[in-house]
C-alpha atoms as a PDB file:
ATOM      1  CA  UNK A   1       9.354 -13.591 -12.964  1.00  0.00           C
ATOM      2  CA  UNK A   2       6.546 -16.450 -13.988  1.00  0.00           C
ATOM      3  CA  UNK A   3       7.175 -17.576 -10.415  1.00  0.00           C
ATOM      4  CA  UNK A   4       6.034 -14.224  -8.743  1.00  0.00           C
ATOM      5  CA  UNK A   5       3.274 -14.232 -10.760  1.00  0.00           C
ATOM      6  CA  UNK A   6       1.842 -17.746 -10.198  1.00  0.00           C
ATOM      7  CA  UNK A   7       2.640 -17.252  -6.363  1.00  0.00           C
ATOM      8  CA  UNK A   8       0.567 -14.084  -6.705  1.00  0.00           C
ATOM      9  CA  UNK A   9      -2.154 -16.021  -8.320  1.00  0.00           C
ATOM     10  CA  UNK A  10      -2.106 -19.005  -5.861  1.00  0.00           C
ATOM     11  CA  UNK A  11      -2.471 -16.406  -2.830  1.00  0.00           C
ATOM     12  CA  UNK A  12      -5.393 -15.004  -4.269  1.00  0.00           C
ATOM     13  CA  UNK A  13      -6.995 -18.297  -5.286  1.00  0.00           C
ATOM     14  CA  UNK A  14      -6.451 -19.478  -1.783  1.00  0.00           C
ATOM     15  CA  UNK A  15      -7.809 -16.515  -0.064  1.00  0.00           C
ATOM     16  CA  UNK A  16     -10.705 -16.565  -2.370  1.00  0.00           C
ATOM     17  CA  UNK A  17     -11.256 -20.501  -1.949  1.00  0.00           C
ATOM     18  CA  UNK A  18     -11.660 -19.374   2.345  1.00  0.00           C
ATOM     19  CA  UNK A  19     -13.861 -16.399   1.594  1.00  0.00           C
ATOM     20  CA  UNK A  20     -15.735 -18.615  -0.549  1.00  0.00           C
ATOM     21  CA  UNK A  21     -15.961 -21.347   2.106  1.00  0.00           C
ATOM     22  CA  UNK A  22     -16.778 -18.618   4.948  1.00  0.00           C
ATOM     23  CA  UNK A  23     -19.490 -17.268   3.015  1.00  0.00           C
ATOM     24  CA  UNK A  24     -21.444 -20.725   2.189  1.00  0.00           C
ATOM     25  CA  UNK A  25     -21.229 -21.664   5.835  1.00  0.00           C
ATOM     26  CA  UNK A  26     -22.450 -18.856   6.963  1.00  0.00           C
ATOM     27  CA  UNK A  27     -25.522 -19.734   4.069  1.00  0.00           C
ATOM     28  CA  UNK A  28     -25.616 -22.957   5.369  1.00  0.00           C
ATOM     29  CA  UNK A  29     -26.378 -21.421   9.471  1.00  0.00           C
ATOM     30  CA  UNK A  30     -28.762 -18.906   7.736  1.00  0.00           C
ATOM     31  CA  UNK A  31     -30.466 -21.911   6.204  1.00  0.00           C
ATOM     32  CA  UNK A  32     -30.237 -23.987   9.525  1.00  0.00           C
ATOM     33  CA  UNK A  33     -32.061 -20.681  11.775  1.00  0.00           C
ATOM     34  CA  UNK A  34     -34.918 -20.259   9.070  1.00  0.00           C
ATOM     35  CA  UNK A  35     -35.580 -24.157   9.326  1.00  0.00           C
ATOM     36  CA  UNK A  36     -35.891 -23.430  12.890  1.00  0.00           C
ATOM     37  CA  UNK A  37     -38.191 -20.651  12.050  1.00  0.00           C
ATOM     38  CA  UNK A  38     -40.059 -22.154   9.579  1.00  0.00           C
ATOM     39  CA  UNK A  39     -42.360 -23.701  12.157  1.00  0.00           C
ATOM     40  CA  UNK A  40     -43.978 -20.101  12.509  1.00  0.00           C
ATOM     41  CA  UNK A  41     -44.613 -19.640   9.244  1.00  0.00           C
ATOM     42  CA  UNK A  42     -46.752 -20.763   6.520  1.00  0.00           C
ATOM     43  CA  UNK A  43     -45.873 -23.145   3.784  1.00  0.00           C
ATOM     44  CA  UNK A  44     -46.128 -20.041   1.052  1.00  0.00           C
ATOM     45  CA  UNK A  45     -43.728 -17.914   3.607  1.00  0.00           C
ATOM     46  CA  UNK A  46     -40.987 -21.093   3.722  1.00  0.00           C
ATOM     47  CA  UNK A  47     -41.380 -21.306  -0.033  1.00  0.00           C
ATOM     48  CA  UNK A  48     -40.288 -17.797  -0.356  1.00  0.00           C
ATOM     49  CA  UNK A  49     -37.388 -17.991   1.953  1.00  0.00           C
ATOM     50  CA  UNK A  50     -36.087 -20.960   0.384  1.00  0.00           C
ATOM     51  CA  UNK A  51     -36.187 -18.925  -2.962  1.00  0.00           C
ATOM     52  CA  UNK A  52     -34.153 -15.962  -1.082  1.00  0.00           C
ATOM     53  CA  UNK A  53     -31.612 -18.290   0.375  1.00  0.00           C
ATOM     54  CA  UNK A  54     -31.612 -19.884  -3.622  1.00  0.00           C
ATOM     55  CA  UNK A  55     -30.959 -16.526  -5.041  1.00  0.00           C
ATOM     56  CA  UNK A  56     -27.952 -15.837  -2.427  1.00  0.00           C
ATOM     57  CA  UNK A  57     -26.689 -18.771  -3.143  1.00  0.00           C
ATOM     58  CA  UNK A  58     -26.527 -18.336  -6.978  1.00  0.00           C
ATOM     59  CA  UNK A  59     -25.230 -14.801  -6.008  1.00  0.00           C
ATOM     60  CA  UNK A  60     -22.199 -16.835  -4.445  1.00  0.00           C
ATOM     61  CA  UNK A  61     -21.444 -18.387  -7.382  1.00  0.00           C
ATOM     62  CA  UNK A  62     -21.558 -15.506  -9.611  1.00  0.00           C
ATOM     63  CA  UNK A  63     -19.022 -14.229  -7.300  1.00  0.00           C
ATOM     64  CA  UNK A  64     -16.995 -17.267  -7.294  1.00  0.00           C
ATOM     65  CA  UNK A  65     -16.856 -17.619 -11.282  1.00  0.00           C
ATOM     66  CA  UNK A  66     -16.110 -13.689 -11.836  1.00  0.00           C
ATOM     67  CA  UNK A  67     -13.570 -14.146  -9.314  1.00  0.00           C
ATOM     68  CA  UNK A  68     -11.948 -17.154 -11.555  1.00  0.00           C
ATOM     69  CA  UNK A  69     -12.236 -15.580 -14.757  1.00  0.00           C
ATOM     70  CA  UNK A  70     -10.450 -12.488 -13.528  1.00  0.00           C
ATOM     71  CA  UNK A  71      -7.610 -14.095 -12.224  1.00  0.00           C
ATOM     72  CA  UNK A  72      -7.223 -16.069 -15.543  1.00  0.00           C
ATOM     73  CA  UNK A  73      -7.417 -12.860 -17.167  1.00  0.00           C
ATOM     74  CA  UNK A  74      -4.794 -11.309 -15.034  1.00  0.00           C
ATOM     75  CA  UNK A  75      -2.144 -13.947 -15.559  1.00  0.00           C
ATOM     76  CA  UNK A  76      -2.925 -14.160 -19.206  1.00  0.00           C
ATOM     77  CA  UNK A  77      -2.068 -10.282 -19.072  1.00  0.00           C
ATOM     78  CA  UNK A  78       1.043 -10.957 -17.421  1.00  0.00           C
ATOM     79  CA  UNK A  79       2.530 -13.647 -19.726  1.00  0.00           C
ATOM     80  CA  UNK A  80       1.683 -11.451 -22.838  1.00  0.00           C
ATOM     81  CA  UNK A  81       3.613  -8.078 -20.766  1.00  0.00           C
ATOM     82  CA  UNK A  82       6.501 -10.521 -20.062  1.00  0.00           C
ATOM     83  CA  UNK A  83       6.856 -11.929 -23.478  1.00  0.00           C
ATOM     84  CA  UNK A  84       6.652  -8.482 -24.992  1.00  0.00           C
ATOM     85  CA  UNK A  85       9.307  -7.248 -23.109  1.00  0.00           C
ATOM     86  CA  UNK A  86      11.374 -10.452 -23.760  1.00  0.00           C
ATOM     87  CA  UNK A  87      10.733  -9.927 -27.526  1.00  0.00           C
ATOM     88  CA  UNK A  88      12.457  -6.224 -27.384  1.00  0.00           C
ATOM     89  CA  UNK A  89      15.083  -7.315 -25.666  1.00  0.00           C
ATOM     90  CA  UNK A  90      15.670  -9.441 -28.149  1.00  0.00           C
ATOM     91  CA  UNK A  91      15.052  -7.144 -30.733  1.00  0.00           C
ATOM     92  CA  UNK A  92      17.821  -4.830 -28.915  1.00  0.00           C
ATOM     93  CA  UNK A  93      20.411  -7.300 -28.369  1.00  0.00           C
ATOM     94  CA  UNK A  94      20.798  -8.143 -32.196  1.00  0.00           C
ATOM     95  CA  UNK A  95      21.007  -4.527 -32.887  1.00  0.00           C
ATOM     96  CA  UNK A  96      23.745  -4.594 -30.660  1.00  0.00           C
ATOM     97  CA  UNK A  97      25.110  -7.330 -32.021  1.00  0.00           C
ATOM     98  CA  UNK A  98      24.854  -5.703 -35.891  1.00  0.00           C
ATOM     99  CA  UNK A  99      26.253  -2.554 -34.642  1.00  0.00           C
ATOM    100  CA  UNK A 100      29.193  -4.633 -33.130  1.00  0.00           C
ATOM    101  CA  UNK A 101      30.225  -6.157 -36.143  1.00  0.00           C
ATOM    102  CA  UNK A 102      29.510  -3.508 -38.575  1.00  0.00           C
ATOM    103  CA  UNK A 103      31.565  -0.247 -37.514  1.00  0.00           C
ATOM    104  CA  UNK A 104      34.387   0.702 -34.637  1.00  0.00           C
ATOM    105  CA  UNK A 105      33.216   3.940 -34.957  1.00  0.00           C
ATOM    106  CA  UNK A 106      29.602   3.241 -34.160  1.00  0.00           C
ATOM    107  CA  UNK A 107      31.178   1.392 -30.595  1.00  0.00           C
ATOM    108  CA  UNK A 108      30.136   4.900 -28.636  1.00  0.00           C
ATOM    109  CA  UNK A 109      26.323   4.279 -29.694  1.00  0.00           C
ATOM    110  CA  UNK A 110      26.344   0.592 -28.912  1.00  0.00           C
ATOM    111  CA  UNK A 111      27.976   1.376 -25.658  1.00  0.00           C
ATOM    112  CA  UNK A 112      24.845   3.931 -24.981  1.00  0.00           C
ATOM    113  CA  UNK A 113      22.423   1.289 -26.343  1.00  0.00           C
ATOM    114  CA  UNK A 114      23.805  -1.597 -24.041  1.00  0.00           C
ATOM    115  CA  UNK A 115      23.563   0.872 -21.125  1.00  0.00           C
ATOM    116  CA  UNK A 116      19.631   1.744 -22.289  1.00  0.00           C
ATOM    117  CA  UNK A 117      19.426  -1.847 -22.171  1.00  0.00           C
ATOM    118  CA  UNK A 118      20.701  -2.369 -18.686  1.00  0.00           C
ATOM    119  CA  UNK A 119      18.515   0.543 -17.608  1.00  0.00           C
ATOM    120  CA  UNK A 120      15.323  -0.866 -19.123  1.00  0.00           C
ATOM    121  CA  UNK A 121      16.489  -4.152 -17.338  1.00  0.00           C
ATOM    122  CA  UNK A 122      16.605  -2.918 -13.872  1.00  0.00           C
ATOM    123  CA  UNK A 123      13.462  -0.727 -14.705  1.00  0.00           C
ATOM    124  CA  UNK A 124      11.822  -4.057 -15.750  1.00  0.00           C
ATOM    125  CA  UNK A 125      13.102  -5.692 -13.031  1.00  0.00           C
ATOM    126  CA  UNK A 126      11.973  -2.960 -10.240  1.00  0.00           C
ATOM    127  CA  UNK A 127       8.635  -2.867 -12.116  1.00  0.00           C
ATOM    128  CA  UNK A 128       8.244  -6.954 -11.638  1.00  0.00           C
ATOM    129  CA  UNK A 129       9.216  -6.610  -8.047  1.00  0.00           C
ATOM    130  CA  UNK A 130       7.063  -4.010  -6.930  1.00  0.00           C
ATOM    131  CA  UNK A 131       4.291  -3.829  -9.382  1.00  0.00           C
ATOM    132  CA  UNK A 132       2.234  -7.061 -10.278  1.00  0.00           C
ATOM    133  CA  UNK A 133       1.156  -5.885 -13.782  1.00  0.00           C
ATOM    134  CA  UNK A 134       4.153  -4.240 -16.131  1.00  0.00           C
ATOM    135  CA  UNK A 135       2.868  -2.326 -19.038  1.00  0.00           C
ATOM    136  CA  UNK A 136       4.853  -0.945 -21.204  1.00  0.00           C
ATOM    137  CA  UNK A 137       2.618   1.405 -23.915  1.00  0.00           C
ATOM    138  CA  UNK A 138       3.298   4.480 -26.051  1.00  0.00           C
ATOM    139  CA  UNK A 139       1.137   7.847 -26.173  1.00  0.00           C
ATOM    140  CA  UNK A 140      -1.290   6.765 -28.670  1.00  0.00           C
ATOM    141  CA  UNK A 141      -2.413   3.230 -27.219  1.00  0.00           C
ATOM    142  CA  UNK A 142      -2.758   5.692 -23.700  1.00  0.00           C
ATOM    143  CA  UNK A 143      -5.399   7.956 -25.373  1.00  0.00           C
ATOM    144  CA  UNK A 144      -6.886   5.109 -27.154  1.00  0.00           C
ATOM    145  CA  UNK A 145      -7.632   3.209 -24.353  1.00  0.00           C
ATOM    146  CA  UNK A 146      -9.094   6.034 -22.243  1.00  0.00           C
ATOM    147  CA  UNK A 147     -11.384   6.187 -24.650  1.00  0.00           C
ATOM    148  CA  UNK A 148     -12.326   2.767 -24.636  1.00  0.00           C
ATOM    149  CA  UNK A 149     -13.139   3.089 -20.745  1.00  0.00           C
ATOM    150  CA  UNK A 150     -14.889   6.096 -21.190  1.00  0.00           C
ATOM    151  CA  UNK A 151     -17.142   5.023 -24.422  1.00  0.00           C
ATOM    152  CA  UNK A 152     -17.545   1.511 -21.221  1.00  0.00           C
ATOM    153  CA  UNK A 153     -18.609   3.372 -18.737  1.00  0.00           C
ATOM    154  CA  UNK A 154     -21.137   5.460 -20.964  1.00  0.00           C
ATOM    155  CA  UNK A 155     -22.651   1.893 -21.752  1.00  0.00           C
ATOM    156  CA  UNK A 156     -22.635   0.970 -18.156  1.00  0.00           C
ATOM    157  CA  UNK A 157     -24.646   3.817 -17.286  1.00  0.00           C
ATOM    158  CA  UNK A 158     -27.111   3.360 -19.973  1.00  0.00           C
ATOM    159  CA  UNK A 159     -27.615  -0.473 -19.370  1.00  0.00           C
ATOM    160  CA  UNK A 160     -27.651   0.368 -15.416  1.00  0.00           C
ATOM    161  CA  UNK A 161     -30.475   3.275 -16.052  1.00  0.00           C
ATOM    162  CA  UNK A 162     -32.373   0.807 -18.075  1.00  0.00           C
ATOM    163  CA  UNK A 163     -32.072  -2.186 -15.495  1.00  0.00           C
ATOM    164  CA  UNK A 164     -33.391   0.437 -13.015  1.00  0.00           C
ATOM    165  CA  UNK A 165     -36.462   1.661 -14.897  1.00  0.00           C
ATOM    166  CA  UNK A 166     -37.096  -2.019 -15.369  1.00  0.00           C
ATOM    167  CA  UNK A 167     -37.497  -2.873 -11.878  1.00  0.00           C
ATOM    168  CA  UNK A 168     -39.329   0.161 -10.877  1.00  0.00           C
ATOM    169  CA  UNK A 169     -42.156  -0.626 -13.658  1.00  0.00           C
ATOM    170  CA  UNK A 170     -42.083  -4.555 -12.186  1.00  0.00           C
ATOM    171  CA  UNK A 171     -42.380  -3.315  -8.909  1.00  0.00           C
ATOM    172  CA  UNK A 172     -45.395  -0.703  -9.870  1.00  0.00           C
ATOM    173  CA  UNK A 173     -47.210  -3.774 -11.077  1.00  0.00           C
ATOM    174  CA  UNK A 174     -47.319  -5.407  -8.114  1.00  0.00           C
ATOM    175  CA  UNK A 175     -44.417  -7.957  -8.500  1.00  0.00           C
ATOM    176  CA  UNK A 176     -41.950  -9.238  -5.627  1.00  0.00           C
ATOM    177  CA  UNK A 177     -38.613  -8.857  -5.260  1.00  0.00           C
ATOM    178  CA  UNK A 178     -37.717 -12.165  -5.388  1.00  0.00           C
ATOM    179  CA  UNK A 179     -40.142 -12.972  -8.882  1.00  0.00           C
ATOM    180  CA  UNK A 180     -37.880  -9.694 -10.027  1.00  0.00           C
ATOM    181  CA  UNK A 181     -34.787 -10.888  -9.997  1.00  0.00           C
ATOM    182  CA  UNK A 182     -35.696 -14.358 -10.723  1.00  0.00           C
ATOM    183  CA  UNK A 183     -37.158 -12.889 -14.138  1.00  0.00           C
ATOM    184  CA  UNK A 184     -34.061 -10.553 -14.794  1.00  0.00           C
ATOM    185  CA  UNK A 185     -31.337 -12.792 -13.940  1.00  0.00           C
ATOM    186  CA  UNK A 186     -29.686 -10.684 -11.171  1.00  0.00           C
ATOM    187  CA  UNK A 187     -29.502 -10.867  -7.377  1.00  0.00           C
ATOM    188  CA  UNK A 188     -31.490  -9.417  -4.502  1.00  0.00           C
ATOM    189  CA  UNK A 189     -28.717  -7.471  -3.226  1.00  0.00           C
ATOM    190  CA  UNK A 190     -28.223  -5.627  -6.904  1.00  0.00           C
ATOM    191  CA  UNK A 191     -32.046  -5.211  -7.175  1.00  0.00           C
ATOM    192  CA  UNK A 192     -32.122  -3.455  -3.652  1.00  0.00           C
ATOM    193  CA  UNK A 193     -28.818  -1.470  -4.560  1.00  0.00           C
ATOM    194  CA  UNK A 194     -30.224   0.037  -7.686  1.00  0.00           C
ATOM    195  CA  UNK A 195     -33.045   0.994  -6.196  1.00  0.00           C
ATOM    196  CA  UNK A 196     -31.040   2.558  -3.492  1.00  0.00           C
ATOM    197  CA  UNK A 197     -29.170   4.899  -6.069  1.00  0.00           C
ATOM    198  CA  UNK A 198     -32.563   5.579  -7.925  1.00  0.00           C
ATOM    199  CA  UNK A 199     -33.854   7.380  -5.173  1.00  0.00           C
END
């Protein structure tokens, strides 16, 4: 089970590295093109272009770190879930052995528990073979999780609206998108996306 998780993580990391390499090469080509075109522009225009390139590179760096942290988080979640499943299996095995030692009349129940454990083992193996995440939870955990997700999306919507208002206010004061991106610490693409959502 650990090997499958490790292989999936490794595949994701390798594909992320290739994507980052592709984006970096694209940025380098774009920078070379801009340098060729820079002969036609004034120095201030050239500095603005370089600032835009730096913002793009910063966005790619942030995307890389987000991917890396996401992979680490998923790997730790898989480890914890597998550990919980193993603990439950051990507890059930202990119950079975105590039932077998106790009373022979309980042998029917122990055989049912054994069957349940075998069915559970099969389900766990099926889920780990076809699904990247194995999640065992009761209904109350699911309801609590849904409430947390709803609360989180409401907070994100509120923050997004505040950010859009800040961008519009700064834009109305005549500040450039590059200046706004630098001041707020977000990328040009994100600013353009937020402005298009506002319309």
